[in-house]
Amino acid sequence: MYVCSCFGVTEAQVKQHAENGACTPRQIASACKAGTDCGSCVRRIQAILGRGACPRRELADQGRPVLSGLEAVDALGALDEAA
């Protein structure tokens, strides 16, 4: 099933990128451009990432707070505006 129709990225591809270490929507976007055009797939990507185990997320859970959902999107937007 397609997750990102703009770039033809499937759920399987997102999962594969996650297994290879892409643990955030931004990292998925860097790997395959999903979520960088219209943005309608970002929540779906977040849901896919939230279901799987991510080595980086597990490290973050040990010492740093992990943002999820809209908090993460808001934080990424703030970083973009600051740059």
PDB file of N, CA and C in Angstrom:
ATOM      1  N   MET A   1       0.839  -1.166   0.000  1.00  0.00           N
ATOM      2  CA  MET A   1       0.000   0.000   0.000  1.00  0.00           C
ATOM      3  C   MET A   1       0.894   1.243   0.000  1.00  0.00           C
ATOM      4  N   TYR A   2       0.481   2.243  -0.777  1.00  0.00           N
ATOM      5  CA  TYR A   2       1.250   3.479  -0.838  1.00  0.00           C
ATOM      6  C   TYR A   2       1.003   4.325   0.407  1.00  0.00           C
ATOM      7  N   VAL A   3       2.080   4.830   0.961  1.00  0.00           N
ATOM      8  CA  VAL A   3       2.003   5.761   2.076  1.00  0.00           C
ATOM      9  C   VAL A   3       2.088   7.179   1.522  1.00  0.00           C
ATOM     10  N   CYS A   4       2.985   7.381   0.586  1.00  0.00           N
ATOM     11  CA  CYS A   4       3.200   8.693  -0.031  1.00  0.00           C
ATOM     12  C   CYS A   4       2.915   8.579  -1.521  1.00  0.00           C
ATOM     13  N   SER A   5       1.766   9.139  -1.936  1.00  0.00           N
ATOM     14  CA  SER A   5       1.438   9.065  -3.356  1.00  0.00           C
ATOM     15  C   SER A   5       2.264  10.039  -4.181  1.00  0.00           C
ATOM     16  N   CYS A   6       2.739  11.113  -3.577  1.00  0.00           N
ATOM     17  CA  CYS A   6       3.529  12.094  -4.325  1.00  0.00           C
ATOM     18  C   CYS A   6       4.814  11.477  -4.879  1.00  0.00           C
ATOM     19  N   PHE A   7       5.443  10.613  -4.101  1.00  0.00           N
ATOM     20  CA  PHE A   7       6.709  10.006  -4.512  1.00  0.00           C
ATOM     21  C   PHE A   7       6.635   8.494  -4.661  1.00  0.00           C
ATOM     22  N   GLY A   8       5.437   7.927  -4.553  1.00  0.00           N
ATOM     23  CA  GLY A   8       5.258   6.489  -4.767  1.00  0.00           C
ATOM     24  C   GLY A   8       5.966   5.626  -3.734  1.00  0.00           C
ATOM     25  N   VAL A   9       5.966   6.053  -2.474  1.00  0.00           N
ATOM     26  CA  VAL A   9       6.642   5.315  -1.415  1.00  0.00           C
ATOM     27  C   VAL A   9       5.621   4.418  -0.716  1.00  0.00           C
ATOM     28  N   THR A  10       5.967   3.160  -0.580  1.00  0.00           N
ATOM     29  CA  THR A  10       5.057   2.189   0.035  1.00  0.00           C
ATOM     30  C   THR A  10       5.326   2.040   1.530  1.00  0.00           C
ATOM     31  N   GLU A  11       4.376   1.420   2.211  1.00  0.00           N
ATOM     32  CA  GLU A  11       4.535   1.136   3.637  1.00  0.00           C
ATOM     33  C   GLU A  11       5.744   0.225   3.855  1.00  0.00           C
ATOM     34  N   ALA A  12       5.930  -0.732   2.974  1.00  0.00           N
ATOM     35  CA  ALA A  12       7.080  -1.639   3.089  1.00  0.00           C
ATOM     36  C   ALA A  12       8.395  -0.872   2.984  1.00  0.00           C
ATOM     37  N   GLN A  13       8.448   0.122   2.108  1.00  0.00           N
ATOM     38  CA  GLN A  13       9.671   0.916   1.971  1.00  0.00           C
ATOM     39  C   GLN A  13       9.934   1.737   3.229  1.00  0.00           C
ATOM     40  N   VAL A  14       8.879   2.322   3.811  1.00  0.00           N
ATOM     41  CA  VAL A  14       9.042   3.087   5.048  1.00  0.00           C
ATOM     42  C   VAL A  14       9.560   2.168   6.152  1.00  0.00           C
ATOM     43  N   LYS A  15       8.986   0.972   6.254  1.00  0.00           N
ATOM     44  CA  LYS A  15       9.432   0.016   7.270  1.00  0.00           C
ATOM     45  C   LYS A  15      10.890  -0.382   7.050  1.00  0.00           C
ATOM     46  N   GLN A  16      11.281  -0.550   5.803  1.00  0.00           N
ATOM     47  CA  GLN A  16      12.669  -0.910   5.503  1.00  0.00           C
ATOM     48  C   GLN A  16      13.619   0.213   5.900  1.00  0.00           C
ATOM     49  N   HIS A  17      13.250   1.447   5.592  1.00  0.00           N
ATOM     50  CA  HIS A  17      14.090   2.585   6.001  1.00  0.00           C
ATOM     51  C   HIS A  17      14.172   2.668   7.521  1.00  0.00           C
ATOM     52  N   ALA A  18      13.064   2.367   8.209  1.00  0.00           N
ATOM     53  CA  ALA A  18      13.066   2.371   9.673  1.00  0.00           C
ATOM     54  C   ALA A  18      14.004   1.294  10.212  1.00  0.00           C
ATOM     55  N   GLU A  19      13.973   0.119   9.602  1.00  0.00           N
ATOM     56  CA  GLU A  19      14.876  -0.957  10.021  1.00  0.00           C
ATOM     57  C   GLU A  19      16.332  -0.578   9.794  1.00  0.00           C
ATOM     58  N   ASN A  20      16.560   0.278   8.799  1.00  0.00           N
ATOM     59  CA  ASN A  20      17.920   0.727   8.498  1.00  0.00           C
ATOM     60  C   ASN A  20      18.336   1.923   9.346  1.00  0.00           C
ATOM     61  N   GLY A  21      17.453   2.358  10.283  1.00  0.00           N
ATOM     62  CA  GLY A  21      17.838   3.408  11.212  1.00  0.00           C
ATOM     63  C   GLY A  21      17.102   4.723  11.102  1.00  0.00           C
ATOM     64  N   ALA A  22      16.219   4.879  10.133  1.00  0.00           N
ATOM     65  CA  ALA A  22      15.443   6.122  10.016  1.00  0.00           C
ATOM     66  C   ALA A  22      14.281   6.049  10.991  1.00  0.00           C
ATOM     67  N   CYS A  23      14.373   6.777  12.099  1.00  0.00           N
ATOM     68  CA  CYS A  23      13.401   6.635  13.184  1.00  0.00           C
ATOM     69  C   CYS A  23      12.460   7.811  13.332  1.00  0.00           C
ATOM     70  N   THR A  24      12.582   8.807  12.485  1.00  0.00           N
ATOM     71  CA  THR A  24      11.703   9.968  12.545  1.00  0.00           C
ATOM     72  C   THR A  24      11.170  10.262  11.147  1.00  0.00           C
ATOM     73  N   PRO A  25      10.056  10.981  11.050  1.00  0.00           N
ATOM     74  CA  PRO A  25       9.563  11.362   9.721  1.00  0.00           C
ATOM     75  C   PRO A  25      10.606  12.137   8.921  1.00  0.00           C
ATOM     76  N   ARG A  26      11.388  12.953   9.583  1.00  0.00           N
ATOM     77  CA  ARG A  26      12.428  13.718   8.883  1.00  0.00           C
ATOM     78  C   ARG A  26      13.491  12.779   8.295  1.00  0.00           C
ATOM     79  N   GLN A  27      13.872  11.755   9.042  1.00  0.00           N
ATOM     80  CA  GLN A  27      14.862  10.800   8.543  1.00  0.00           C
ATOM     81  C   GLN A  27      14.286   9.974   7.399  1.00  0.00           C
ATOM     82  N   ILE A  28      13.000   9.636   7.482  1.00  0.00           N
ATOM     83  CA  ILE A  28      12.343   8.942   6.370  1.00  0.00           C
ATOM     84  C   ILE A  28      12.352   9.848   5.151  1.00  0.00           C
ATOM     85  N   ALA A  29      12.050  11.125   5.340  1.00  0.00           N
ATOM     86  CA  ALA A  29      12.052  12.083   4.232  1.00  0.00           C
ATOM     87  C   ALA A  29      13.427  12.168   3.583  1.00  0.00           C
ATOM     88  N   SER A  30      14.468  12.153   4.390  1.00  0.00           N
ATOM     89  CA  SER A  30      15.830  12.197   3.850  1.00  0.00           C
ATOM     90  C   SER A  30      16.152  10.941   3.048  1.00  0.00           C
ATOM     91  N   ALA A  31      15.584   9.819   3.482  1.00  0.00           N
ATOM     92  CA  ALA A  31      15.876   8.552   2.822  1.00  0.00           C
ATOM     93  C   ALA A  31      15.116   8.376   1.513  1.00  0.00           C
ATOM     94  N   CYS A  32      13.867   8.884   1.441  1.00  0.00           N
ATOM     95  CA  CYS A  32      13.064   8.570   0.249  1.00  0.00           C
ATOM     96  C   CYS A  32      12.131   9.695  -0.204  1.00  0.00           C
ATOM     97  N   LYS A  33      12.223  10.872   0.398  1.00  0.00           N
ATOM     98  CA  LYS A  33      11.418  12.051   0.069  1.00  0.00           C
ATOM     99  C   LYS A  33       9.972  11.987   0.551  1.00  0.00           C
ATOM    100  N   ALA A  34       9.527  10.880   1.121  1.00  0.00           N
ATOM    101  CA  ALA A  34       8.152  10.782   1.597  1.00  0.00           C
ATOM    102  C   ALA A  34       7.889  11.868   2.635  1.00  0.00           C
ATOM    103  N   GLY A  35       6.794  12.581   2.474  1.00  0.00           N
ATOM    104  CA  GLY A  35       6.420  13.631   3.401  1.00  0.00           C
ATOM    105  C   GLY A  35       6.957  15.001   3.070  1.00  0.00           C
ATOM    106  N   THR A  36       7.697  15.132   1.976  1.00  0.00           N
ATOM    107  CA  THR A  36       8.308  16.428   1.657  1.00  0.00           C
ATOM    108  C   THR A  36       7.525  17.249   0.641  1.00  0.00           C
ATOM    109  N   ASP A  37       6.459  16.696   0.066  1.00  0.00           N
ATOM    110  CA  ASP A  37       5.703  17.469  -0.914  1.00  0.00           C
ATOM    111  C   ASP A  37       4.430  18.019  -0.277  1.00  0.00           C
ATOM    112  N   CYS A  38       3.343  17.300  -0.341  1.00  0.00           N
ATOM    113  CA  CYS A  38       2.082  17.825   0.202  1.00  0.00           C
ATOM    114  C   CYS A  38       1.979  17.629   1.705  1.00  0.00           C
ATOM    115  N   GLY A  39       2.706  16.658   2.272  1.00  0.00           N
ATOM    116  CA  GLY A  39       2.725  16.436   3.713  1.00  0.00           C
ATOM    117  C   GLY A  39       1.578  15.602   4.262  1.00  0.00           C
ATOM    118  N   SER A  40       0.672  15.166   3.413  1.00  0.00           N
ATOM    119  CA  SER A  40      -0.482  14.424   3.919  1.00  0.00           C
ATOM    120  C   SER A  40      -0.117  13.048   4.467  1.00  0.00           C
ATOM    121  N   CYS A  41       1.062  12.545   4.166  1.00  0.00           N
ATOM    122  CA  CYS A  41       1.462  11.215   4.619  1.00  0.00           C
ATOM    123  C   CYS A  41       2.255  11.231   5.924  1.00  0.00           C
ATOM    124  N   VAL A  42       2.562  12.396   6.451  1.00  0.00           N
ATOM    125  CA  VAL A  42       3.431  12.478   7.622  1.00  0.00           C
ATOM    126  C   VAL A  42       2.826  11.751   8.827  1.00  0.00           C
ATOM    127  N   ARG A  43       1.542  11.910   9.055  1.00  0.00           N
ATOM    128  CA  ARG A  43       0.920  11.215  10.198  1.00  0.00           C
ATOM    129  C   ARG A  43       0.938   9.710  10.006  1.00  0.00           C
ATOM    130  N   ARG A  44       0.749   9.257   8.788  1.00  0.00           N
ATOM    131  CA  ARG A  44       0.804   7.816   8.505  1.00  0.00           C
ATOM    132  C   ARG A  44       2.219   7.297   8.764  1.00  0.00           C
ATOM    133  N   ILE A  45       3.218   8.056   8.337  1.00  0.00           N
ATOM    134  CA  ILE A  45       4.618   7.678   8.577  1.00  0.00           C
ATOM    135  C   ILE A  45       4.879   7.616  10.084  1.00  0.00           C
ATOM    136  N   GLN A  46       4.376   8.606  10.831  1.00  0.00           N
ATOM    137  CA  GLN A  46       4.547   8.599  12.286  1.00  0.00           C
ATOM    138  C   GLN A  46       3.911   7.354  12.901  1.00  0.00           C
ATOM    139  N   ALA A  47       2.750   6.979  12.396  1.00  0.00           N
ATOM    140  CA  ALA A  47       2.066   5.786  12.925  1.00  0.00           C
ATOM    141  C   ALA A  47       2.879   4.530  12.635  1.00  0.00           C
ATOM    142  N   ILE A  48       3.435   4.433  11.449  1.00  0.00           N
ATOM    143  CA  ILE A  48       4.253   3.268  11.089  1.00  0.00           C
ATOM    144  C   ILE A  48       5.490   3.216  11.984  1.00  0.00           C
ATOM    145  N   LEU A  49       6.129   4.347  12.177  1.00  0.00           N
ATOM    146  CA  LEU A  49       7.329   4.387  13.014  1.00  0.00           C
ATOM    147  C   LEU A  49       7.004   4.079  14.466  1.00  0.00           C
ATOM    148  N   GLY A  50       5.823   4.461  14.914  1.00  0.00           N
ATOM    149  CA  GLY A  50       5.429   4.227  16.295  1.00  0.00           C
ATOM    150  C   GLY A  50       5.164   2.774  16.617  1.00  0.00           C
ATOM    151  N   ARG A  51       4.898   1.963  15.580  1.00  0.00           N
ATOM    152  CA  ARG A  51       4.584   0.547  15.812  1.00  0.00           C
ATOM    153  C   ARG A  51       5.814  -0.328  15.888  1.00  0.00           C
ATOM    154  N   GLY A  52       6.906   0.125  15.315  1.00  0.00           N
ATOM    155  CA  GLY A  52       8.092  -0.729  15.249  1.00  0.00           C
ATOM    156  C   GLY A  52       9.135  -0.350  16.270  1.00  0.00           C
ATOM    157  N   ALA A  53      10.031  -1.264  16.519  1.00  0.00           N
ATOM    158  CA  ALA A  53      11.145  -0.983  17.421  1.00  0.00           C
ATOM    159  C   ALA A  53      12.213  -0.217  16.663  1.00  0.00           C
ATOM    160  N   CYS A  54      12.747   0.782  17.300  1.00  0.00           N
ATOM    161  CA  CYS A  54      13.782   1.594  16.667  1.00  0.00           C
ATOM    162  C   CYS A  54      14.961   1.675  17.630  1.00  0.00           C
ATOM    163  N   PRO A  55      16.135   1.246  17.210  1.00  0.00           N
ATOM    164  CA  PRO A  55      17.291   1.277  18.117  1.00  0.00           C
ATOM    165  C   PRO A  55      17.560   2.674  18.668  1.00  0.00           C
ATOM    166  N   ARG A  56      17.424   3.687  17.832  1.00  0.00           N
ATOM    167  CA  ARG A  56      17.679   5.049  18.301  1.00  0.00           C
ATOM    168  C   ARG A  56      16.628   5.474  19.315  1.00  0.00           C
ATOM    169  N   ARG A  57      15.377   5.094  19.095  1.00  0.00           N
ATOM    170  CA  ARG A  57      14.311   5.455  20.029  1.00  0.00           C
ATOM    171  C   ARG A  57      14.559   4.791  21.376  1.00  0.00           C
ATOM    172  N   GLU A  58      15.025   3.534  21.356  1.00  0.00           N
ATOM    173  CA  GLU A  58      15.312   2.836  22.609  1.00  0.00           C
ATOM    174  C   GLU A  58      16.421   3.537  23.374  1.00  0.00           C
ATOM    175  N   LEU A  59      17.436   4.040  22.682  1.00  0.00           N
ATOM    176  CA  LEU A  59      18.492   4.790  23.339  1.00  0.00           C
ATOM    177  C   LEU A  59      17.945   6.079  23.919  1.00  0.00           C
ATOM    178  N   ALA A  60      17.083   6.731  23.175  1.00  0.00           N
ATOM    179  CA  ALA A  60      16.499   7.981  23.652  1.00  0.00           C
ATOM    180  C   ALA A  60      15.648   7.748  24.887  1.00  0.00           C
ATOM    181  N   ASP A  61      14.934   6.636  24.926  1.00  0.00           N
ATOM    182  CA  ASP A  61      14.080   6.326  26.066  1.00  0.00           C
ATOM    183  C   ASP A  61      14.895   6.179  27.354  1.00  0.00           C
ATOM    184  N   GLN A  62      16.156   5.859  27.216  1.00  0.00           N
ATOM    185  CA  GLN A  62      16.983   5.640  28.399  1.00  0.00           C
ATOM    186  C   GLN A  62      17.397   6.946  29.072  1.00  0.00           C
ATOM    187  N   GLY A  63      17.430   8.044  28.333  1.00  0.00           N
ATOM    188  CA  GLY A  63      17.920   9.253  28.969  1.00  0.00           C
ATOM    189  C   GLY A  63      17.293  10.546  28.514  1.00  0.00           C
ATOM    190  N   ARG A  64      16.594  10.537  27.413  1.00  0.00           N
ATOM    191  CA  ARG A  64      16.014  11.772  26.903  1.00  0.00           C
ATOM    192  C   ARG A  64      14.531  11.579  26.641  1.00  0.00           C
ATOM    193  N   PRO A  65      13.751  12.649  26.785  1.00  0.00           N
ATOM    194  CA  PRO A  65      12.333  12.520  26.447  1.00  0.00           C
ATOM    195  C   PRO A  65      12.160  12.348  24.950  1.00  0.00           C
ATOM    196  N   VAL A  66      11.183  11.570  24.568  1.00  0.00           N
ATOM    197  CA  VAL A  66      10.889  11.330  23.162  1.00  0.00           C
ATOM    198  C   VAL A  66       9.572  12.006  22.832  1.00  0.00           C
ATOM    199  N   LEU A  67       9.599  12.856  21.818  1.00  0.00           N
ATOM    200  CA  LEU A  67       8.382  13.528  21.388  1.00  0.00           C
ATOM    201  C   LEU A  67       7.615  12.617  20.456  1.00  0.00           C
ATOM    202  N   SER A  68       6.310  12.728  20.484  1.00  0.00           N
ATOM    203  CA  SER A  68       5.518  11.930  19.568  1.00  0.00           C
ATOM    204  C   SER A  68       4.405  12.776  18.991  1.00  0.00           C
ATOM    205  N   GLY A  69       3.854  12.323  17.898  1.00  0.00           N
ATOM    206  CA  GLY A  69       2.714  12.983  17.285  1.00  0.00           C
ATOM    207  C   GLY A  69       2.974  14.422  16.929  1.00  0.00           C
ATOM    208  N   LEU A  70       2.009  15.267  17.247  1.00  0.00           N
ATOM    209  CA  LEU A  70       2.097  16.675  16.882  1.00  0.00           C
ATOM    210  C   LEU A  70       3.214  17.394  17.608  1.00  0.00           C
ATOM    211  N   GLU A  71       3.617  16.921  18.780  1.00  0.00           N
ATOM    212  CA  GLU A  71       4.743  17.537  19.486  1.00  0.00           C
ATOM    213  C   GLU A  71       6.002  17.478  18.626  1.00  0.00           C
ATOM    214  N   ALA A  72       6.224  16.353  17.986  1.00  0.00           N
ATOM    215  CA  ALA A  72       7.405  16.190  17.142  1.00  0.00           C
ATOM    216  C   ALA A  72       7.318  17.086  15.918  1.00  0.00           C
ATOM    217  N   VAL A  73       6.150  17.164  15.309  1.00  0.00           N
ATOM    218  CA  VAL A  73       5.969  18.021  14.134  1.00  0.00           C
ATOM    219  C   VAL A  73       6.199  19.475  14.526  1.00  0.00           C
ATOM    220  N   ASP A  74       5.647  19.912  15.674  1.00  0.00           N
ATOM    221  CA  ASP A  74       5.846  21.272  16.157  1.00  0.00           C
ATOM    222  C   ASP A  74       7.322  21.550  16.424  1.00  0.00           C
ATOM    223  N   ALA A  75       8.011  20.587  17.030  1.00  0.00           N
ATOM    224  CA  ALA A  75       9.431  20.759  17.335  1.00  0.00           C
ATOM    225  C   ALA A  75      10.251  20.876  16.059  1.00  0.00           C
ATOM    226  N   LEU A  76       9.933  20.077  15.063  1.00  0.00           N
ATOM    227  CA  LEU A  76      10.648  20.153  13.790  1.00  0.00           C
ATOM    228  C   LEU A  76      10.391  21.489  13.119  1.00  0.00           C
ATOM    229  N   GLY A  77       9.175  21.980  13.189  1.00  0.00           N
ATOM    230  CA  GLY A  77       8.852  23.284  12.614  1.00  0.00           C
ATOM    231  C   GLY A  77       9.627  24.395  13.291  1.00  0.00           C
ATOM    232  N   ALA A  78       9.748  24.321  14.609  1.00  0.00           N
ATOM    233  CA  ALA A  78      10.509  25.333  15.359  1.00  0.00           C
ATOM    234  C   ALA A  78      11.972  25.298  14.967  1.00  0.00           C
ATOM    235  N   LEU A  79      12.512  24.115  14.755  1.00  0.00           N
ATOM    236  CA  LEU A  79      13.915  23.998  14.333  1.00  0.00           C
ATOM    237  C   LEU A  79      14.106  24.589  12.948  1.00  0.00           C
ATOM    238  N   ASP A  80      13.176  24.339  12.041  1.00  0.00           N
ATOM    239  CA  ASP A  80      13.261  24.882  10.678  1.00  0.00           C
ATOM    240  C   ASP A  80      13.219  26.406  10.701  1.00  0.00           C
ATOM    241  N   GLU A  81      12.355  26.981  11.549  1.00  0.00           N
ATOM    242  CA  GLU A  81      12.233  28.427  11.627  1.00  0.00           C
ATOM    243  C   GLU A  81      13.485  29.056  12.212  1.00  0.00           C
ATOM    244  N   ALA A  82      14.141  28.345  13.132  1.00  0.00           N
ATOM    245  CA  ALA A  82      15.340  28.870  13.766  1.00  0.00           C
ATOM    246  C   ALA A  82      16.546  28.851  12.824  1.00  0.00           C
ATOM    247  N   ALA A  83      16.522  27.970  11.855  1.00  0.00           N
ATOM    248  CA  ALA A  83      17.677  27.817  10.956  1.00  0.00           C
ATOM    249  C   ALA A  83      17.749  28.903   9.910  1.00  0.00           C
TER     250      ALA A  83
END
